[in-house]
Each structure stands twice: as C-alpha cells, then as structure tokens.
C-alpha cells in the first residue's frame, strides 16, 4: 500500500485544469436518487484506460433562501436527465487563492455538488472500494473540484468521490441555540456520505467499503465524522492527513460572539431597516457577498 499512500500525498497537493472536447466524452447515463445522470466515459491516455466521470452531481437541495443556515436536505429526484459534465459552483469564500491557479471556477451559494470518478473495471456486479475525499482550507475556502480524481481511480482501482461543503459563516455560524445551530458544513458532509450509500453501487462502488480521507480541515472533518454517532454505517475506514478534531483551529470557543459582530456589521439589529424580522430571517435576506 506504500504506492497508494505516496499517491495520496501527491493527490493532496495538486491542482489541475480539466477540459473535455466533445470527441473525448462518450456520454454515459446512470440512474440515481437525484435522477438520471449523464456523465462522460473518457480515455485517460497516461493510464491507457477508461474512466467514467460525473462532475457537478447534486447531492442536496441547494442551501439558498430559506435553506440558508439550516441542515441540508437530500436532493429530490429530477424528472429530466441531469447533465454532469462540468463542475458546479464552489461555495462562497475568500477566493484570492484562485488567482494563483489555472482553473476557472464560478462561485455561488448553490454549491452542494460532488464529483465522481469510476474505473472501467467497476460495475454493479463487480464492485470496488470507494474513496471519499474532504478538502481542506481552514473551513474557509477550497473545493473538492480542485482535486483530480480520475488518476487515483485508475491507479488504485477505486471509485473516487470529491465534495463541496458550506464554508465560513455560511457553513459554521452558530448562536449556540436553536436559532443558529451551526456546523452546516459538517451536516453537508454527512449528507454527501448518505447520498453515496444510496447510489454508489450504481457506479461500481461498494457501499460497505467506503474510506473517508482529507487534508487539513478535511482531515479534522474526517476525525469528527469518525467520532460522531450520526455517521454510523456511512464508512468503514479513515485516513487523516495533517489535521485532527483536537487542533485549536478545528473548533470555536464562544461562537456566539461572531453572530453579534456580524449582526451589527450587516445591520440585522433592532435598529435596522428590517427590524420586523428576527435576526436569522434578516440575514437570509442578504446576498452571500453582503
């Protein structure tokens, strides 16, 4: 397994630009709880093998409007074919890091997508292990779409899943009570794992052999998921890379103080123009940029 560990370290540090021309994409459809997904069966020349690739797969209802600052809801089934050939939005964040990479991502609050890569050897009748990756970024930035999954899928003969989850205050703002329960980004991760359990066999993945792995904040997320009874039965193994639930940046003391600062800075207070709305409803009226 040494080669796989070395590959994971490399996978953890690379960026990429993925461009598909029509001639490179052979359409392939798979029926899921989100609807019929149409992705690509592509040939990877460096590996001399094919991989099935589904990008921008919706795993949850998008957390906009009244769903902001709430736990995610499993994506309802679409009546139309869902085209999954391009990456979806990345979650709102301080995106200065994007200036240093040759990748064109769009940013939007409708960002709960996952990407899936399956080797040609995998099928419902001959399933392989699943590797579920959670990106890092201090819970403030990053995206699963930044990490190339097709090479790991072919080298390791595994189905690879990368995900987005809500970040920053949209993902973790908490008043320590039922008003703003917090940890929405962690609930997104759980929802993506639940989606995998319901659908991964269709892609040739074994739902009983899911390994979750991540780097930095993704690694501390892996540790938190391993400790939580809410994730029971959703994965079998974990790999943590440069992060732990016990590191100081993995949790916040007195999170309510951030709610107070934010409410004043965006004028969602008693003296605001929208004083008829409770605090959380007031903040749901604002744009992500605000």
Protein backbone atom coordinates (compact mmCIF):
# COMPACT_ATOMS: atom_id res chain seq x y z
CA UNK A 1 0.00 0.00 0.00
CA UNK A 2 3.08 2.30 0.05
CA UNK A 3 2.46 3.43 -3.53
CA UNK A 4 -1.12 4.39 -2.66
CA UNK A 5 -0.02 6.43 0.36
CA UNK A 6 2.54 8.31 -1.75
CA UNK A 7 -0.13 8.94 -4.39
CA UNK A 8 -2.49 10.30 -1.74
CA UNK A 9 0.16 12.78 -0.60
CA UNK A 10 0.55 13.91 -4.22
CA UNK A 11 -3.23 14.00 -4.72
CA UNK A 12 -3.36 16.23 -1.68
CA UNK A 13 -1.16 18.90 -3.26
CA UNK A 14 -2.05 19.10 -6.95
CA UNK A 15 -4.31 21.40 -8.89
CA UNK A 16 -5.43 20.92 -12.43
CA UNK A 17 -7.30 22.29 -15.41
CA UNK A 18 -9.75 19.83 -16.89
CA UNK A 19 -11.08 20.45 -20.37
CA UNK A 20 -13.17 17.97 -22.32
CA UNK A 21 -13.79 18.26 -26.02
CA UNK A 22 -16.87 16.54 -27.50
CA UNK A 23 -14.67 13.86 -29.09
CA UNK A 24 -13.20 12.93 -25.69
CA UNK A 25 -16.55 12.48 -23.96
CA UNK A 26 -18.61 9.38 -24.65
CA UNK A 27 -21.95 10.02 -22.88
CA UNK A 28 -22.88 7.53 -20.18
CA UNK A 29 -26.03 7.57 -18.05
CA UNK A 30 -26.66 6.19 -14.57
CA UNK A 31 -29.93 6.28 -12.63
CA UNK A 32 -29.65 7.72 -9.10
CA UNK A 33 -31.86 9.15 -6.38
CA UNK A 34 -31.09 12.60 -7.82
CA UNK A 35 -32.32 11.49 -11.24
CA UNK A 36 -30.66 10.06 -14.34
CA UNK A 37 -27.14 11.50 -14.51
CA UNK A 38 -25.36 11.89 -17.82
CA UNK A 39 -21.60 11.99 -17.48
CA UNK A 40 -18.62 11.06 -19.61
CA UNK A 41 -16.75 7.86 -20.34
CA UNK A 42 -13.29 9.19 -21.18
CA UNK A 43 -9.98 7.63 -22.16
CA UNK A 44 -7.03 8.56 -19.95
CA UNK A 45 -4.03 8.28 -22.22
CA UNK A 46 -1.41 8.32 -19.44
CA UNK A 47 -3.10 5.27 -17.88
CA UNK A 48 -4.28 3.70 -21.14
CA UNK A 49 -7.65 3.02 -19.61
CA UNK A 50 -11.14 4.49 -19.45
CA UNK A 51 -12.85 6.14 -16.51
CA UNK A 52 -16.48 7.15 -16.00
CA UNK A 53 -16.60 10.74 -14.82
CA UNK A 54 -19.57 12.63 -13.35
CA UNK A 55 -18.95 16.26 -12.40
CA UNK A 56 -21.29 18.61 -10.54
CA UNK A 57 -23.63 15.95 -9.20
CA UNK A 58 -26.30 17.49 -6.91
CA UNK A 59 -26.42 15.56 -3.63
CA UNK A 60 -28.59 18.01 -1.65
CA UNK A 61 -31.13 20.74 -2.23
CA UNK A 62 -29.19 23.94 -2.69
CA UNK A 63 -28.83 25.93 0.58
CA UNK A 64 -30.25 29.22 -0.65
CA UNK A 65 -33.16 31.37 0.54
CA UNK A 66 -34.97 29.75 3.46
CA UNK A 67 -32.47 26.84 3.44
CA UNK A 68 -29.56 29.10 4.40
CA UNK A 69 -28.33 28.42 7.96
CA UNK A 70 -30.22 25.11 8.03
CA UNK A 71 -29.19 21.48 7.77
CA UNK A 72 -29.14 20.18 4.19
CA UNK A 73 -31.99 18.26 2.59
CA UNK A 74 -31.38 15.26 0.32
CA UNK A 75 -31.73 16.23 -3.33
CA UNK A 76 -35.14 15.43 -4.77
CA UNK A 77 -35.24 13.31 -7.89
CA UNK A 78 -35.18 15.29 -11.14
CA UNK A 79 -37.69 14.34 -13.83
CA UNK A 80 -35.22 15.36 -16.52
CA UNK A 81 -31.77 13.98 -17.30
CA UNK A 82 -29.16 15.81 -15.19
CA UNK A 83 -26.08 16.73 -17.24
CA UNK A 84 -22.99 16.18 -15.08
CA UNK A 85 -20.12 17.03 -17.41
CA UNK A 86 -18.90 20.25 -15.81
CA UNK A 87 -18.05 21.30 -12.27
CA UNK A 88 -20.73 23.08 -10.28
CA UNK A 89 -20.19 26.29 -8.31
CA UNK A 90 -17.70 26.38 -5.49
CA UNK A 91 -19.05 27.65 -2.17
CA UNK A 92 -18.73 31.35 -1.24
CA UNK A 93 -15.28 32.06 0.19
CA UNK A 94 -12.31 34.40 0.18
CA UNK A 95 -11.15 33.26 -3.24
CA UNK A 96 -7.82 35.05 -3.57
CA UNK A 97 -6.10 31.68 -3.88
CA UNK A 98 -7.82 31.15 -7.23
CA UNK A 99 -5.65 33.88 -8.74
CA UNK A 100 -2.62 31.60 -8.46
CA UNK A 101 -4.09 28.56 -10.23
CA UNK A 102 -5.08 27.93 -13.81
CA UNK A 103 -8.63 26.86 -13.07
CA UNK A 104 -11.87 28.59 -13.98
CA UNK A 105 -14.39 28.10 -11.16
CA UNK A 106 -17.60 30.02 -10.55
CA UNK A 107 -18.62 30.92 -7.02
CA UNK A 108 -22.19 30.65 -5.80
CA UNK A 109 -24.22 29.71 -2.78
CA UNK A 110 -25.81 26.86 -4.78
CA UNK A 111 -22.70 24.77 -4.27
CA UNK A 112 -23.62 21.37 -2.80
CA UNK A 113 -22.20 19.22 -5.58
CA UNK A 114 -19.97 16.17 -5.67
CA UNK A 115 -17.71 14.75 -8.37
CA UNK A 116 -17.36 11.04 -9.04
CA UNK A 117 -14.72 9.02 -10.91
CA UNK A 118 -15.12 5.27 -11.53
CA UNK A 119 -12.65 2.92 -13.26
CA UNK A 120 -13.90 0.89 -16.21
CA UNK A 121 -13.34 -2.31 -14.23
CA UNK A 122 -16.03 -1.34 -11.70
CA UNK A 123 -19.66 -2.44 -12.13
CA UNK A 124 -22.70 -3.27 -10.01
CA UNK A 125 -21.77 -6.95 -10.24
CA UNK A 126 -18.08 -6.36 -9.55
CA UNK A 127 -17.77 -3.51 -7.09
CA UNK A 128 -14.57 -1.88 -5.87
CA UNK A 129 -13.67 0.16 -2.79
CA UNK A 130 -14.74 3.81 -2.52
CA UNK A 131 -12.51 6.72 -1.50
CA UNK A 132 -14.42 9.80 -0.32
CA UNK A 133 -12.27 12.95 -0.17
CA UNK A 134 -12.95 16.03 2.01
CA UNK A 135 -10.93 19.09 1.02
CA UNK A 136 -9.09 21.38 3.41
CA UNK A 137 -8.89 25.16 3.59
CA UNK A 138 -9.37 26.09 7.26
CA UNK A 139 -13.15 25.68 6.85
CA UNK A 140 -12.97 28.99 4.98
CA UNK A 141 -12.06 28.14 1.39
CA UNK A 142 -11.36 25.33 -1.08
CA UNK A 143 -13.38 22.93 -3.21
CA UNK A 144 -13.41 19.24 -3.98
CA UNK A 145 -13.34 20.12 -7.67
CA UNK A 146 -9.74 21.31 -7.32
CA UNK A 147 -8.53 17.74 -6.82
CA UNK A 148 -8.11 15.41 -9.78
CA UNK A 149 -9.82 12.09 -9.14
CA UNK A 150 -9.54 10.07 -12.33
CA UNK A 151 -5.88 9.06 -11.90
CA UNK A 152 -6.38 7.84 -8.34
CA UNK A 153 -9.45 5.91 -9.53
CA UNK A 154 -7.37 4.09 -12.14
CA UNK A 155 -4.15 3.61 -10.15
CA UNK A 156 -5.98 2.37 -7.05
CA UNK A 157 -8.87 0.67 -8.86
CA UNK A 158 -11.29 2.56 -6.63
CA UNK A 159 -14.29 4.83 -7.08
CA UNK A 160 -13.27 8.35 -6.04
CA UNK A 161 -15.72 10.96 -4.72
CA UNK A 162 -14.83 14.60 -4.01
CA UNK A 163 -17.31 17.04 -2.50
CA UNK A 164 -18.12 20.65 -1.74
CA UNK A 165 -19.49 21.69 1.63
CA UNK A 166 -20.51 25.09 3.01
CA UNK A 167 -17.68 27.25 4.33
CA UNK A 168 -17.10 30.19 6.63
CA UNK A 169 -20.09 31.77 8.34
CA UNK A 170 -22.50 30.19 5.82
CA UNK A 171 -21.17 26.80 6.89
CA UNK A 172 -20.47 27.21 10.59
CA UNK A 173 -22.14 30.30 12.11
CA UNK A 174 -23.70 29.36 15.45
CA UNK A 175 -25.60 31.16 18.20
CA UNK A 176 -25.29 28.04 20.38
CA UNK A 177 -29.05 27.53 20.38
CA UNK A 178 -31.85 26.58 18.01
CA UNK A 179 -31.73 29.98 16.27
CA UNK A 180 -28.45 29.15 14.51
CA UNK A 181 -27.46 25.57 15.27
CA UNK A 182 -24.19 25.74 13.29
CA UNK A 183 -21.95 23.08 11.72
CA UNK A 184 -23.93 23.14 8.47
CA UNK A 185 -20.75 22.26 6.57
CA UNK A 186 -20.36 19.07 8.62
CA UNK A 187 -24.01 18.19 8.01
CA UNK A 188 -23.31 18.68 4.28
CA UNK A 189 -20.51 16.13 4.52
CA UNK A 190 -22.87 13.68 6.23
CA UNK A 191 -25.50 14.26 3.53
CA UNK A 192 -22.94 13.55 0.80
CA UNK A 193 -21.99 10.30 2.55
CA UNK A 194 -25.66 9.34 2.75
CA UNK A 195 -26.00 10.02 -0.98
CA UNK A 196 -23.02 7.75 -1.59
CA UNK A 197 -24.60 4.94 0.44
CA UNK A 198 -27.79 5.18 -1.61
CA UNK A 199 -26.17 5.41 -5.05
CA UNK A 200 -22.54 4.35 -5.22
CA UNK A 201 -23.23 0.74 -6.20
CA UNK A 202 -24.69 2.01 -9.49
CA UNK A 203 -21.21 3.36 -10.27
CA UNK A 204 -19.47 0.12 -9.29
CA UNK A 205 -18.58 1.20 -5.76
CA UNK A 206 -19.05 -0.99 -2.70
CA UNK A 207 -21.11 0.96 -0.10
CA UNK A 208 -19.75 -1.30 2.65
CA UNK A 209 -16.13 -0.41 1.82
CA UNK A 210 -16.02 3.39 1.92
CA UNK A 211 -12.86 5.10 3.15
CA UNK A 212 -13.09 8.80 4.00
CA UNK A 213 -9.90 10.87 3.77
CA UNK A 214 -8.97 14.53 3.78
CA UNK A 215 -6.28 17.11 4.35
CA UNK A 216 -6.06 19.91 6.93
CA UNK A 217 -9.64 20.98 7.75
CA UNK A 218 -10.76 18.00 5.68
CA UNK A 219 -8.67 15.79 7.94
CA UNK A 220 -10.18 17.24 11.11
CA UNK A 221 -13.60 16.73 9.49
CA UNK A 222 -12.72 13.07 8.98
CA UNK A 223 -11.87 12.80 12.68
CA UNK A 224 -15.11 14.49 13.70
CA UNK A 225 -17.13 12.17 11.46
CA UNK A 226 -15.34 9.19 12.98
CA UNK A 227 -16.38 10.37 16.46
CA UNK A 228 -19.99 11.18 15.61
CA UNK A 229 -22.75 8.58 16.09
CA UNK A 230 -24.62 10.34 13.25
CA UNK A 231 -22.18 8.84 10.74
CA UNK A 232 -22.57 5.24 11.89
CA UNK A 233 -22.64 2.87 8.92
CA UNK A 234 -21.61 5.50 6.36
CA UNK A 235 -17.95 4.47 6.05
CA UNK A 236 -15.56 1.74 7.12
CA UNK A 237 -12.08 3.30 7.26
CA UNK A 238 -10.50 6.72 7.64
CA UNK A 239 -7.25 8.42 6.58
CA UNK A 240 -6.33 11.70 8.28
CA UNK A 241 -3.71 13.95 6.71
CA UNK A 242 -2.41 16.96 8.68
CA UNK A 243 -5.47 17.62 10.80
CA UNK A 244 -7.25 16.49 13.95
CA UNK A 245 -10.52 17.39 15.73
CA UNK A 246 -8.35 18.43 18.69
CA UNK A 247 -6.31 21.10 16.88
CA UNK A 248 -7.17 24.66 18.01
CA UNK A 249 -8.44 25.70 14.57
CA UNK A 250 -10.83 22.75 14.33
CA UNK A 251 -13.36 24.19 16.77
CA UNK A 252 -14.52 27.59 18.02
CA UNK A 253 -14.95 28.72 21.61
CA UNK A 254 -17.82 31.12 22.23
CA UNK A 255 -19.11 31.20 18.63
CA UNK A 256 -21.98 33.49 19.62
CA UNK A 257 -19.64 36.49 19.66
CA UNK A 258 -19.29 36.18 15.87
CA UNK A 259 -23.07 36.28 15.48
CA UNK A 260 -23.15 39.52 17.46
CA UNK A 261 -20.37 41.10 15.40
CA UNK A 262 -21.97 40.01 12.13
CA UNK A 263 -25.45 41.19 13.05
CA UNK A 264 -24.14 44.69 13.71
CA UNK A 265 -21.95 44.85 10.61
CA UNK A 266 -24.84 43.92 8.30
CA UNK A 267 -27.39 45.95 10.29
CA UNK A 268 -29.53 42.98 11.31
CA UNK A 269 -30.22 44.50 14.71
CA UNK A 270 -33.18 46.11 16.46
CA UNK A 271 -32.38 49.47 14.90
CA UNK A 272 -32.12 48.07 11.37
CA UNK A 273 -34.46 48.78 8.49
CA UNK A 274 -35.70 45.20 8.63
CA UNK A 275 -36.35 45.17 12.37
CA UNK A 276 -39.63 43.30 11.88
CA UNK A 277 -37.62 40.20 11.01
CA UNK A 278 -35.83 38.02 13.55
CA UNK A 279 -32.05 38.02 13.28
CA UNK A 280 -31.71 34.84 11.22
CA UNK A 281 -34.50 35.84 8.82
CA UNK A 282 -32.83 39.21 8.35
CA UNK A 283 -29.56 37.53 7.42
CA UNK A 284 -31.36 35.24 4.97
CA UNK A 285 -32.42 38.36 3.04
CA UNK A 286 -28.82 39.37 2.40
CA UNK A 287 -26.68 38.23 -0.51
CA UNK A 288 -23.73 35.96 0.15
CA UNK A 289 -21.44 38.87 -0.78
CA UNK A 290 -23.08 41.09 1.83
